[in-house]
């Protein structure tokens, strides 16, 4: 099992409490955005490139090596950014345990955000739902539709994902 989070306090701990053997992945995109917003304008492009070398590494060892370079380059100018990445590095690199064909999907989770946006869009146009059961039905139907699409989706080097119907 894998939980992917954007860094909100308490979510990762709650997941680990309920699913102690589960992996936890922090959203890399959010972490990069936060880092870039915390550095000087003139350093933003260079910091972004150094961070990209970390999360695009092929192995954990390579990512750690890239982080070491990042730390050497930016510790003096932006110690808070370096410290923040150092503290979260384990949960930022969890995706490297998984097959390369799905790593990007894990560390970006755009599919999950898209699903939530679609559910909100569907429920918003209904103005009000008569009961909690009606809301659950809308979420269930939307999730089932996405599961069907995902089960037929082709990934690099793979014919398709195994069926995940009922797992959302």
N, C-alpha and C. Protein backbone atom coordinates (compact mmCIF):
# COMPACT_ATOMS: atom_id res chain seq x y z
N UNK A 1 0.82 -1.18 0.00
CA UNK A 1 0.00 0.00 0.00
C UNK A 1 0.86 1.24 0.00
N UNK A 2 0.37 2.27 -0.61
CA UNK A 2 1.11 3.52 -0.74
C UNK A 2 0.18 4.70 -0.53
N UNK A 3 0.60 5.61 0.32
CA UNK A 3 -0.13 6.86 0.51
C UNK A 3 0.72 7.99 -0.02
N UNK A 4 0.09 8.87 -0.82
CA UNK A 4 0.80 10.01 -1.40
C UNK A 4 0.18 11.28 -0.84
N UNK A 5 1.02 12.12 -0.23
CA UNK A 5 0.53 13.30 0.47
C UNK A 5 1.30 14.55 0.05
N UNK A 6 0.67 15.71 0.31
CA UNK A 6 1.30 16.97 -0.06
C UNK A 6 1.98 17.67 1.11
N UNK A 7 2.09 17.02 2.23
CA UNK A 7 2.83 17.61 3.36
C UNK A 7 1.96 18.24 4.42
N UNK A 8 0.65 18.11 4.32
CA UNK A 8 -0.20 18.65 5.38
C UNK A 8 0.10 17.92 6.69
N UNK A 9 0.25 18.66 7.77
CA UNK A 9 0.61 18.03 9.05
C UNK A 9 -0.42 16.98 9.47
N UNK A 10 0.07 15.85 9.92
CA UNK A 10 -0.79 14.82 10.46
C UNK A 10 -1.23 13.73 9.50
N UNK A 11 -1.26 14.01 8.20
CA UNK A 11 -1.76 13.02 7.24
C UNK A 11 -0.88 11.78 7.18
N UNK A 12 0.42 12.00 7.09
CA UNK A 12 1.34 10.87 6.99
C UNK A 12 1.30 10.03 8.27
N UNK A 13 1.27 10.70 9.41
CA UNK A 13 1.23 9.98 10.69
C UNK A 13 -0.06 9.18 10.81
N UNK A 14 -1.17 9.76 10.39
CA UNK A 14 -2.46 9.05 10.45
C UNK A 14 -2.44 7.83 9.54
N UNK A 15 -1.88 7.97 8.36
CA UNK A 15 -1.78 6.84 7.43
C UNK A 15 -0.94 5.73 8.05
N UNK A 16 0.20 6.08 8.63
CA UNK A 16 1.09 5.08 9.23
C UNK A 16 0.46 4.43 10.46
N UNK A 17 -0.38 5.17 11.15
CA UNK A 17 -1.05 4.60 12.31
C UNK A 17 -2.06 3.52 11.88
N UNK A 18 -2.76 3.77 10.81
CA UNK A 18 -3.77 2.82 10.33
C UNK A 18 -3.13 1.72 9.50
N UNK A 19 -2.14 2.09 8.69
CA UNK A 19 -1.45 1.14 7.81
C UNK A 19 0.05 1.20 8.09
N UNK A 20 0.50 0.59 9.17
CA UNK A 20 1.90 0.73 9.58
C UNK A 20 2.92 0.19 8.58
N UNK A 21 2.54 -0.73 7.72
CA UNK A 21 3.47 -1.29 6.74
C UNK A 21 3.44 -0.55 5.41
N UNK A 22 2.57 0.43 5.28
CA UNK A 22 2.41 1.16 4.03
C UNK A 22 3.59 2.10 3.78
N UNK A 23 3.87 2.33 2.52
CA UNK A 23 4.86 3.33 2.13
C UNK A 23 4.19 4.70 2.10
N UNK A 24 4.97 5.72 2.37
CA UNK A 24 4.48 7.10 2.32
C UNK A 24 5.33 7.87 1.33
N UNK A 25 4.69 8.58 0.43
CA UNK A 25 5.37 9.40 -0.57
C UNK A 25 4.89 10.83 -0.42
N UNK A 26 5.81 11.74 -0.29
CA UNK A 26 5.49 13.17 -0.27
C UNK A 26 5.46 13.66 -1.71
N UNK A 27 4.53 14.52 -2.02
CA UNK A 27 4.43 15.07 -3.37
C UNK A 27 5.65 15.92 -3.67
N UNK A 28 6.42 15.50 -4.63
CA UNK A 28 7.65 16.20 -5.01
C UNK A 28 7.33 17.56 -5.61
N UNK A 29 6.27 17.62 -6.40
CA UNK A 29 5.91 18.88 -7.06
C UNK A 29 5.68 19.99 -6.04
N UNK A 30 4.95 19.68 -4.96
CA UNK A 30 4.71 20.69 -3.93
C UNK A 30 6.00 21.11 -3.25
N UNK A 31 6.85 20.14 -2.97
CA UNK A 31 8.11 20.43 -2.29
C UNK A 31 9.01 21.32 -3.16
N UNK A 32 9.05 21.04 -4.45
CA UNK A 32 9.85 21.86 -5.37
C UNK A 32 9.29 23.28 -5.42
N UNK A 33 7.98 23.41 -5.56
CA UNK A 33 7.35 24.75 -5.60
C UNK A 33 7.68 25.54 -4.34
N UNK A 34 7.55 24.88 -3.19
CA UNK A 34 7.86 25.57 -1.93
C UNK A 34 9.32 26.00 -1.87
N UNK A 35 10.21 25.14 -2.33
CA UNK A 35 11.65 25.47 -2.32
C UNK A 35 11.93 26.66 -3.24
N UNK A 36 11.37 26.63 -4.42
CA UNK A 36 11.62 27.70 -5.39
C UNK A 36 11.07 29.03 -4.87
N UNK A 37 9.92 28.98 -4.22
CA UNK A 37 9.34 30.21 -3.67
C UNK A 37 10.15 30.77 -2.50
N UNK A 38 10.97 29.92 -1.88
CA UNK A 38 11.74 30.35 -0.71
C UNK A 38 13.13 30.86 -1.05
N UNK A 39 13.54 30.77 -2.31
CA UNK A 39 14.89 31.22 -2.68
C UNK A 39 14.83 32.52 -3.46
N UNK A 40 15.98 33.18 -3.54
CA UNK A 40 16.08 34.43 -4.30
C UNK A 40 15.69 34.20 -5.76
N UNK A 41 15.09 35.20 -6.33
CA UNK A 41 14.64 35.13 -7.73
C UNK A 41 15.78 34.69 -8.65
N UNK A 42 16.96 35.25 -8.46
CA UNK A 42 18.08 34.95 -9.35
C UNK A 42 18.58 33.51 -9.20
N UNK A 43 18.24 32.83 -8.09
CA UNK A 43 18.67 31.45 -7.86
C UNK A 43 17.61 30.41 -8.24
N UNK A 44 16.41 30.85 -8.53
CA UNK A 44 15.30 29.92 -8.72
C UNK A 44 15.54 28.88 -9.82
N UNK A 45 16.01 29.31 -10.96
CA UNK A 45 16.23 28.37 -12.07
C UNK A 45 17.29 27.34 -11.72
N UNK A 46 18.39 27.79 -11.13
CA UNK A 46 19.47 26.88 -10.78
C UNK A 46 19.05 25.90 -9.68
N UNK A 47 18.32 26.38 -8.69
CA UNK A 47 17.83 25.51 -7.62
C UNK A 47 16.86 24.47 -8.21
N UNK A 48 15.98 24.92 -9.08
CA UNK A 48 15.02 24.00 -9.72
C UNK A 48 15.75 22.91 -10.50
N UNK A 49 16.81 23.26 -11.21
CA UNK A 49 17.58 22.27 -11.98
C UNK A 49 18.27 21.27 -11.06
N UNK A 50 18.84 21.77 -9.96
CA UNK A 50 19.50 20.86 -9.02
C UNK A 50 18.50 19.93 -8.34
N UNK A 51 17.31 20.44 -8.04
CA UNK A 51 16.27 19.59 -7.45
C UNK A 51 15.78 18.55 -8.45
N UNK A 52 15.66 18.97 -9.70
CA UNK A 52 15.21 18.05 -10.75
C UNK A 52 16.17 16.87 -10.88
N UNK A 53 17.44 17.12 -10.73
CA UNK A 53 18.44 16.04 -10.80
C UNK A 53 18.20 15.01 -9.69
N UNK A 54 17.68 15.45 -8.55
CA UNK A 54 17.40 14.54 -7.44
C UNK A 54 16.21 13.64 -7.78
N UNK A 55 15.06 14.27 -8.12
CA UNK A 55 13.86 13.46 -8.31
C UNK A 55 13.78 12.76 -9.66
N UNK A 56 14.67 13.09 -10.58
CA UNK A 56 14.71 12.35 -11.84
C UNK A 56 15.82 11.30 -11.86
N UNK A 57 16.47 11.09 -10.73
CA UNK A 57 17.50 10.06 -10.64
C UNK A 57 16.89 8.68 -10.86
N UNK A 58 17.68 7.78 -11.40
CA UNK A 58 17.20 6.44 -11.69
C UNK A 58 17.19 5.50 -10.49
N UNK A 59 18.03 5.80 -9.51
CA UNK A 59 18.12 4.96 -8.31
C UNK A 59 18.19 5.84 -7.07
N UNK A 60 17.96 5.23 -5.93
CA UNK A 60 18.05 5.96 -4.67
C UNK A 60 19.47 6.46 -4.44
N UNK A 61 20.46 5.62 -4.77
CA UNK A 61 21.86 6.01 -4.59
C UNK A 61 22.19 7.24 -5.44
N UNK A 62 21.73 7.24 -6.67
CA UNK A 62 21.97 8.38 -7.55
C UNK A 62 21.26 9.63 -7.00
N UNK A 63 20.04 9.46 -6.50
CA UNK A 63 19.30 10.58 -5.93
C UNK A 63 20.03 11.15 -4.71
N UNK A 64 20.56 10.27 -3.88
CA UNK A 64 21.29 10.72 -2.69
C UNK A 64 22.56 11.48 -3.10
N UNK A 65 23.21 11.00 -4.14
CA UNK A 65 24.40 11.67 -4.66
C UNK A 65 24.04 13.06 -5.19
N UNK A 66 22.92 13.13 -5.90
CA UNK A 66 22.45 14.43 -6.43
C UNK A 66 22.07 15.37 -5.29
N UNK A 67 21.48 14.80 -4.22
CA UNK A 67 21.14 15.64 -3.07
C UNK A 67 22.41 16.19 -2.42
N UNK A 68 23.43 15.37 -2.34
CA UNK A 68 24.70 15.82 -1.76
C UNK A 68 25.24 17.01 -2.55
N UNK A 69 25.17 16.93 -3.87
CA UNK A 69 25.60 18.05 -4.73
C UNK A 69 24.73 19.27 -4.48
N UNK A 70 23.40 19.06 -4.40
CA UNK A 70 22.47 20.15 -4.11
C UNK A 70 22.84 20.83 -2.80
N UNK A 71 23.10 20.03 -1.78
CA UNK A 71 23.44 20.56 -0.46
C UNK A 71 24.73 21.38 -0.52
N UNK A 72 25.74 20.85 -1.21
CA UNK A 72 27.01 21.58 -1.34
C UNK A 72 26.81 22.91 -2.06
N UNK A 73 25.96 22.91 -3.09
CA UNK A 73 25.73 24.12 -3.88
C UNK A 73 24.93 25.19 -3.14
N UNK A 74 23.99 24.79 -2.28
CA UNK A 74 23.02 25.74 -1.75
C UNK A 74 23.00 25.90 -0.24
N UNK A 75 23.76 25.11 0.50
CA UNK A 75 23.74 25.20 1.95
C UNK A 75 24.06 26.61 2.45
N UNK A 76 25.05 27.23 1.88
CA UNK A 76 25.46 28.56 2.35
C UNK A 76 24.40 29.63 2.05
N UNK A 77 23.79 29.58 0.87
CA UNK A 77 22.83 30.61 0.47
C UNK A 77 21.42 30.36 0.99
N UNK A 78 21.01 29.10 1.01
CA UNK A 78 19.62 28.78 1.36
C UNK A 78 19.56 27.59 2.32
N UNK A 79 20.09 27.76 3.53
CA UNK A 79 20.15 26.63 4.48
C UNK A 79 18.78 26.07 4.87
N UNK A 80 17.75 26.91 4.95
CA UNK A 80 16.42 26.42 5.32
C UNK A 80 15.85 25.49 4.25
N UNK A 81 16.06 25.81 3.00
CA UNK A 81 15.58 24.97 1.90
C UNK A 81 16.30 23.63 1.92
N UNK A 82 17.60 23.68 2.10
CA UNK A 82 18.40 22.45 2.14
C UNK A 82 17.96 21.59 3.32
N UNK A 83 17.79 22.20 4.49
CA UNK A 83 17.37 21.46 5.68
C UNK A 83 15.99 20.82 5.47
N UNK A 84 15.09 21.56 4.87
CA UNK A 84 13.75 21.05 4.62
C UNK A 84 13.78 19.81 3.72
N UNK A 85 14.58 19.87 2.66
CA UNK A 85 14.71 18.72 1.77
C UNK A 85 15.41 17.56 2.47
N UNK A 86 16.40 17.87 3.27
CA UNK A 86 17.12 16.82 3.98
C UNK A 86 16.20 16.07 4.94
N UNK A 87 15.36 16.82 5.65
CA UNK A 87 14.43 16.22 6.61
C UNK A 87 13.39 15.33 5.93
N UNK A 88 12.98 15.70 4.73
CA UNK A 88 11.90 14.98 4.04
C UNK A 88 12.40 14.04 2.94
N UNK A 89 13.69 13.91 2.78
CA UNK A 89 14.24 13.16 1.65
C UNK A 89 13.71 11.73 1.58
N UNK A 90 13.60 11.05 2.70
CA UNK A 90 13.11 9.67 2.67
C UNK A 90 11.72 9.56 2.07
N UNK A 91 10.80 10.45 2.48
CA UNK A 91 9.43 10.38 1.95
C UNK A 91 9.32 11.01 0.57
N UNK A 92 10.32 11.76 0.16
CA UNK A 92 10.33 12.31 -1.20
C UNK A 92 10.83 11.30 -2.22
N UNK A 93 11.60 10.31 -1.76
CA UNK A 93 12.20 9.33 -2.67
C UNK A 93 11.57 7.94 -2.59
N UNK A 94 10.47 7.81 -1.90
CA UNK A 94 9.79 6.51 -1.79
C UNK A 94 9.48 5.94 -3.17
N UNK A 95 9.12 6.79 -4.12
CA UNK A 95 8.73 6.33 -5.45
C UNK A 95 9.81 5.50 -6.14
N UNK A 96 11.06 5.66 -5.71
CA UNK A 96 12.16 4.91 -6.34
C UNK A 96 12.12 3.41 -6.02
N UNK A 97 11.29 3.01 -5.07
CA UNK A 97 11.11 1.59 -4.75
C UNK A 97 10.24 0.89 -5.80
N UNK A 98 9.55 1.67 -6.60
CA UNK A 98 8.55 1.15 -7.53
C UNK A 98 9.09 1.09 -8.95
N UNK A 99 8.43 0.33 -9.84
CA UNK A 99 8.91 0.23 -11.23
C UNK A 99 9.00 1.61 -11.89
N UNK A 100 10.02 1.79 -12.70
CA UNK A 100 10.24 3.09 -13.34
C UNK A 100 9.05 3.53 -14.18
N UNK A 101 8.28 2.60 -14.69
CA UNK A 101 7.14 2.95 -15.55
C UNK A 101 6.03 3.68 -14.79
N UNK A 102 6.00 3.58 -13.47
CA UNK A 102 4.95 4.27 -12.71
C UNK A 102 5.50 5.30 -11.73
N UNK A 103 6.80 5.48 -11.69
CA UNK A 103 7.39 6.40 -10.71
C UNK A 103 6.86 7.81 -10.85
N UNK A 104 6.81 8.34 -12.04
CA UNK A 104 6.34 9.71 -12.23
C UNK A 104 4.90 9.88 -11.76
N UNK A 105 4.07 8.88 -12.01
CA UNK A 105 2.68 8.95 -11.55
C UNK A 105 2.62 8.99 -10.03
N UNK A 106 3.55 8.31 -9.38
CA UNK A 106 3.55 8.28 -7.92
C UNK A 106 3.99 9.63 -7.36
N UNK A 107 5.07 10.19 -7.87
CA UNK A 107 5.56 11.41 -7.21
C UNK A 107 4.84 12.68 -7.64
N UNK A 108 4.03 12.61 -8.69
CA UNK A 108 3.25 13.79 -9.07
C UNK A 108 1.80 13.68 -8.65
N UNK A 109 1.23 12.49 -8.70
CA UNK A 109 -0.18 12.21 -8.36
C UNK A 109 -1.17 13.12 -9.08
N UNK A 110 -0.86 13.55 -10.28
CA UNK A 110 -1.80 14.37 -11.02
C UNK A 110 -3.12 13.64 -11.28
N UNK A 111 -3.06 12.33 -11.44
CA UNK A 111 -4.28 11.56 -11.67
C UNK A 111 -5.22 11.68 -10.47
N UNK A 112 -4.67 11.61 -9.28
CA UNK A 112 -5.49 11.71 -8.08
C UNK A 112 -6.11 13.11 -7.98
N UNK A 113 -5.30 14.13 -8.21
CA UNK A 113 -5.83 15.48 -8.15
C UNK A 113 -6.90 15.69 -9.21
N UNK A 114 -6.69 15.14 -10.39
CA UNK A 114 -7.67 15.27 -11.47
C UNK A 114 -8.99 14.59 -11.08
N UNK A 115 -8.89 13.43 -10.46
CA UNK A 115 -10.08 12.71 -10.02
C UNK A 115 -10.86 13.53 -9.00
N UNK A 116 -10.15 14.08 -8.01
CA UNK A 116 -10.82 14.88 -6.99
C UNK A 116 -11.47 16.13 -7.60
N UNK A 117 -10.80 16.74 -8.55
CA UNK A 117 -11.35 17.92 -9.22
C UNK A 117 -12.63 17.54 -9.97
N UNK A 118 -12.62 16.38 -10.63
CA UNK A 118 -13.77 15.92 -11.38
C UNK A 118 -14.95 15.61 -10.45
N UNK A 119 -14.67 14.99 -9.31
CA UNK A 119 -15.73 14.69 -8.34
C UNK A 119 -16.33 15.99 -7.81
N UNK A 120 -15.48 16.95 -7.49
CA UNK A 120 -15.99 18.25 -7.03
C UNK A 120 -16.84 18.92 -8.10
N UNK A 121 -16.38 18.84 -9.34
CA UNK A 121 -17.12 19.43 -10.45
C UNK A 121 -18.50 18.79 -10.59
N UNK A 122 -18.54 17.47 -10.48
CA UNK A 122 -19.82 16.75 -10.62
C UNK A 122 -20.77 17.09 -9.48
N UNK A 123 -20.27 17.11 -8.27
CA UNK A 123 -21.15 17.36 -7.13
C UNK A 123 -21.57 18.83 -7.04
N UNK A 124 -20.72 19.75 -7.48
CA UNK A 124 -21.04 21.18 -7.42
C UNK A 124 -22.23 21.52 -8.32
N UNK A 125 -22.30 20.91 -9.49
CA UNK A 125 -23.40 21.21 -10.42
C UNK A 125 -24.73 20.64 -9.95
N UNK A 126 -24.70 19.77 -8.98
CA UNK A 126 -25.94 19.18 -8.46
C UNK A 126 -26.57 20.06 -7.38
N UNK A 127 -25.92 21.16 -7.04
CA UNK A 127 -26.37 22.11 -6.02
C UNK A 127 -26.50 21.48 -4.65
N UNK A 128 -27.35 20.50 -4.50
CA UNK A 128 -27.46 19.82 -3.21
C UNK A 128 -27.79 18.36 -3.47
N UNK A 129 -27.33 17.55 -2.59
CA UNK A 129 -27.63 16.12 -2.69
C UNK A 129 -28.59 15.78 -1.55
N UNK A 130 -29.57 14.92 -1.82
CA UNK A 130 -30.60 14.65 -0.81
C UNK A 130 -30.09 13.93 0.43
N UNK A 131 -28.97 13.21 0.29
CA UNK A 131 -28.47 12.47 1.45
C UNK A 131 -26.99 12.17 1.28
N UNK A 132 -26.38 11.71 2.36
CA UNK A 132 -24.98 11.30 2.32
C UNK A 132 -24.82 10.12 1.36
N UNK A 133 -25.80 9.26 1.32
CA UNK A 133 -25.78 8.09 0.44
C UNK A 133 -25.72 8.54 -1.03
N UNK A 134 -26.43 9.60 -1.37
CA UNK A 134 -26.43 10.12 -2.75
C UNK A 134 -25.04 10.64 -3.11
N UNK A 135 -24.39 11.32 -2.16
CA UNK A 135 -23.03 11.82 -2.39
C UNK A 135 -22.07 10.66 -2.58
N UNK A 136 -22.21 9.62 -1.75
CA UNK A 136 -21.36 8.44 -1.89
C UNK A 136 -21.55 7.78 -3.26
N UNK A 137 -22.77 7.77 -3.74
CA UNK A 137 -23.06 7.17 -5.05
C UNK A 137 -22.35 7.94 -6.17
N UNK A 138 -22.38 9.25 -6.10
CA UNK A 138 -21.70 10.07 -7.11
C UNK A 138 -20.20 9.78 -7.09
N UNK A 139 -19.61 9.74 -5.90
CA UNK A 139 -18.18 9.46 -5.76
C UNK A 139 -17.87 8.06 -6.27
N UNK A 140 -18.71 7.10 -5.92
CA UNK A 140 -18.51 5.72 -6.37
C UNK A 140 -18.56 5.62 -7.89
N UNK A 141 -19.56 6.22 -8.50
CA UNK A 141 -19.70 6.14 -9.96
C UNK A 141 -18.52 6.82 -10.67
N UNK A 142 -18.10 7.96 -10.17
CA UNK A 142 -16.97 8.65 -10.77
C UNK A 142 -15.70 7.83 -10.61
N UNK A 143 -15.50 7.25 -9.43
CA UNK A 143 -14.31 6.42 -9.18
C UNK A 143 -14.32 5.19 -10.07
N UNK A 144 -15.47 4.57 -10.23
CA UNK A 144 -15.58 3.39 -11.09
C UNK A 144 -15.22 3.74 -12.53
N UNK A 145 -15.69 4.89 -13.00
CA UNK A 145 -15.37 5.34 -14.36
C UNK A 145 -13.86 5.54 -14.52
N UNK A 146 -13.23 6.19 -13.54
CA UNK A 146 -11.79 6.39 -13.63
C UNK A 146 -11.02 5.08 -13.52
N UNK A 147 -11.45 4.17 -12.65
CA UNK A 147 -10.80 2.87 -12.55
C UNK A 147 -10.82 2.14 -13.89
N UNK A 148 -11.95 2.22 -14.58
CA UNK A 148 -12.05 1.57 -15.89
C UNK A 148 -11.06 2.20 -16.87
N UNK A 149 -10.99 3.51 -16.89
CA UNK A 149 -10.04 4.20 -17.78
C UNK A 149 -8.60 3.82 -17.44
N UNK A 150 -8.28 3.82 -16.15
CA UNK A 150 -6.91 3.51 -15.74
C UNK A 150 -6.52 2.08 -16.05
N UNK A 151 -7.48 1.17 -15.95
CA UNK A 151 -7.16 -0.24 -16.20
C UNK A 151 -6.82 -0.49 -17.67
N UNK A 152 -7.25 0.41 -18.54
CA UNK A 152 -6.96 0.27 -19.97
C UNK A 152 -5.82 1.18 -20.43
N UNK A 153 -5.28 1.95 -19.53
CA UNK A 153 -4.24 2.92 -19.87
C UNK A 153 -2.91 2.24 -20.15
N UNK A 154 -2.23 2.69 -21.17
CA UNK A 154 -0.93 2.12 -21.52
C UNK A 154 0.17 2.97 -20.90
N UNK A 155 1.14 2.27 -20.34
CA UNK A 155 2.31 2.92 -19.77
C UNK A 155 3.54 2.50 -20.55
N UNK A 156 4.59 3.29 -20.41
CA UNK A 156 5.84 2.93 -21.08
C UNK A 156 6.25 1.50 -20.73
N UNK A 157 6.45 0.69 -21.74
CA UNK A 157 6.95 -0.65 -21.52
C UNK A 157 5.93 -1.64 -20.98
N UNK A 158 4.68 -1.25 -20.90
CA UNK A 158 3.63 -2.12 -20.36
C UNK A 158 2.44 -2.12 -21.32
N UNK A 159 1.73 -3.22 -21.36
CA UNK A 159 0.52 -3.26 -22.19
C UNK A 159 -0.57 -2.45 -21.51
N UNK A 160 -0.85 -2.75 -20.25
CA UNK A 160 -1.84 -1.98 -19.51
C UNK A 160 -1.68 -2.25 -18.02
N UNK A 161 -2.32 -1.43 -17.22
CA UNK A 161 -2.32 -1.64 -15.78
C UNK A 161 -3.29 -2.76 -15.44
N UNK A 162 -3.02 -3.49 -14.37
CA UNK A 162 -4.00 -4.49 -13.94
C UNK A 162 -5.27 -3.79 -13.50
N UNK A 163 -6.37 -4.45 -13.59
CA UNK A 163 -7.64 -3.87 -13.21
C UNK A 163 -7.62 -3.47 -11.74
N UNK A 164 -8.11 -2.28 -11.47
CA UNK A 164 -8.15 -1.80 -10.09
C UNK A 164 -9.57 -1.50 -9.65
N UNK A 165 -10.55 -2.02 -10.37
CA UNK A 165 -11.95 -1.76 -10.06
C UNK A 165 -12.23 -2.13 -8.61
N UNK A 166 -12.87 -1.19 -7.93
CA UNK A 166 -13.23 -1.42 -6.54
C UNK A 166 -12.15 -1.04 -5.55
N UNK A 167 -11.02 -0.55 -6.00
CA UNK A 167 -9.93 -0.22 -5.09
C UNK A 167 -9.86 1.25 -4.72
N UNK A 168 -10.75 2.07 -5.24
CA UNK A 168 -10.70 3.49 -4.91
C UNK A 168 -11.54 3.74 -3.69
